[in-house]
């Protein structure tokens, strides 16, 4: 059996204080929390009813003064962003609820 080489004595690990800590686990989590487009209500995407999710997004979009586009576009963009990025590892049942919320959001804004 071949002998394993030991590490060279010149290579050392940086001390724990010098290592860079990540700011948050996922950048998408920070976007959802601190978005300039909308001030979302707490746990809006974890609600069970697609209609309640859509109503909450509509309220947030209409109240927001920081959005750059129409309330409908801001609300739909945030929902789509959550489904595509933040909700990447969601179970299929949650994804179905969120997809239905898109339809409810279209209906809420009269875009059927």
Protein backbone atom coordinates (compact mmCIF):
# COMPACT_ATOMS: atom_id res chain seq x y z
CA UNK A 1 0.00 0.00 0.00
CA UNK A 2 1.37 3.42 -0.93
CA UNK A 3 2.13 5.83 1.85
CA UNK A 4 0.04 8.99 1.93
CA UNK A 5 1.80 12.27 1.61
CA UNK A 6 1.34 14.62 4.51
CA UNK A 7 0.49 18.25 3.98
CA UNK A 8 3.35 20.57 3.45
CA UNK A 9 4.19 22.47 6.62
CA UNK A 10 3.90 25.82 4.81
CA UNK A 11 0.16 25.46 4.10
CA UNK A 12 -1.96 26.61 6.99
CA UNK A 13 -5.63 27.27 7.38
CA UNK A 14 -6.76 30.77 8.07
CA UNK A 15 -8.00 31.40 11.60
CA UNK A 16 -11.76 31.22 12.06
CA UNK A 17 -12.03 34.98 12.55
CA UNK A 18 -10.43 35.65 9.16
CA UNK A 19 -12.75 33.35 7.21
CA UNK A 20 -15.55 35.11 5.39
CA UNK A 21 -19.05 34.31 6.63
CA UNK A 22 -21.92 34.21 4.15
CA UNK A 23 -24.48 36.99 4.66
CA UNK A 24 -27.48 34.73 4.30
CA UNK A 25 -28.03 31.24 3.09
CA UNK A 26 -29.80 32.16 -0.14
CA UNK A 27 -29.81 35.45 -2.04
CA UNK A 28 -33.40 34.78 -3.08
CA UNK A 29 -34.45 34.80 0.58
CA UNK A 30 -33.01 38.29 0.97
CA UNK A 31 -34.76 39.49 -2.21
CA UNK A 32 -38.10 38.16 -0.99
CA UNK A 33 -37.62 39.84 2.39
CA UNK A 34 -36.13 43.18 1.27
CA UNK A 35 -37.47 43.70 -2.24
CA UNK A 36 -37.84 47.24 -3.53
CA UNK A 37 -40.86 46.17 -5.53
CA UNK A 38 -43.16 45.18 -2.65
CA UNK A 39 -43.44 45.23 1.12
CA UNK A 40 -44.81 41.73 1.59
CA UNK A 41 -46.91 40.59 4.50
CA UNK A 42 -45.34 38.02 6.79
CA UNK A 43 -45.45 34.41 5.53
CA UNK A 44 -47.56 35.30 2.51
CA UNK A 45 -46.24 32.40 0.43
CA UNK A 46 -46.90 29.81 3.13
CA UNK A 47 -50.66 30.39 3.19
CA UNK A 48 -52.79 27.45 2.07
CA UNK A 49 -55.35 29.30 -0.03
CA UNK A 50 -54.39 30.57 -3.50
CA UNK A 51 -57.05 33.30 -3.17
CA UNK A 52 -55.54 34.55 0.10
CA UNK A 53 -52.04 34.60 -1.41
CA UNK A 54 -53.32 36.59 -4.40
CA UNK A 55 -55.28 39.00 -2.19
CA UNK A 56 -52.24 39.61 0.00
CA UNK A 57 -49.98 40.24 -3.00
CA UNK A 58 -52.56 42.59 -4.50
CA UNK A 59 -52.80 44.58 -1.24
CA UNK A 60 -49.03 44.78 -0.96
CA UNK A 61 -48.61 45.88 -4.58
CA UNK A 62 -51.27 48.57 -4.35
CA UNK A 63 -49.91 49.97 -1.07
CA UNK A 64 -46.26 49.96 -2.11
CA UNK A 65 -44.72 53.30 -2.99
CA UNK A 66 -41.38 51.81 -4.04
CA UNK A 67 -42.54 49.77 -7.01
CA UNK A 68 -41.41 50.76 -10.49
CA UNK A 69 -44.20 49.19 -12.54
CA UNK A 70 -47.94 48.60 -12.28
CA UNK A 71 -49.33 46.86 -9.18
CA UNK A 72 -50.33 43.82 -11.27
CA UNK A 73 -46.88 43.47 -12.79
CA UNK A 74 -45.14 43.86 -9.43
CA UNK A 75 -47.35 41.29 -7.71
CA UNK A 76 -47.07 38.76 -10.55
CA UNK A 77 -43.30 39.25 -10.75
CA UNK A 78 -42.86 38.56 -7.05
CA UNK A 79 -45.02 35.45 -7.20
CA UNK A 80 -43.19 34.14 -10.26
CA UNK A 81 -39.83 34.93 -8.67
CA UNK A 82 -40.79 32.99 -5.54
CA UNK A 83 -41.96 29.98 -7.55
CA UNK A 84 -38.84 29.92 -9.75
CA UNK A 85 -36.14 30.76 -7.22
CA UNK A 86 -37.13 30.81 -3.59
CA UNK A 87 -39.54 27.92 -3.95
CA UNK A 88 -37.13 25.70 -5.85
CA UNK A 89 -37.24 22.91 -3.29
CA UNK A 90 -40.93 23.10 -2.47
CA UNK A 91 -43.09 19.98 -2.57
CA UNK A 92 -45.36 19.58 -5.58
CA UNK A 93 -48.48 20.34 -3.53
CA UNK A 94 -47.12 23.78 -2.53
CA UNK A 95 -46.11 24.53 -6.12
CA UNK A 96 -49.65 23.71 -7.27
CA UNK A 97 -51.10 26.14 -4.71
CA UNK A 98 -48.69 28.87 -5.86
CA UNK A 99 -49.47 28.22 -9.53
CA UNK A 100 -53.19 28.52 -8.75
CA UNK A 101 -52.44 31.78 -6.97
CA UNK A 102 -51.24 33.16 -10.33
CA UNK A 103 -54.68 32.54 -11.78
CA UNK A 104 -56.32 34.11 -8.74
CA UNK A 105 -54.05 37.13 -9.06
CA UNK A 106 -55.02 37.57 -12.73
CA UNK A 107 -58.67 37.35 -11.71
CA UNK A 108 -58.20 39.82 -8.81
CA UNK A 109 -56.76 42.41 -11.20
CA UNK A 110 -59.41 41.67 -13.88
CA UNK A 111 -56.90 40.24 -16.36
CA UNK A 112 -58.70 36.95 -17.11
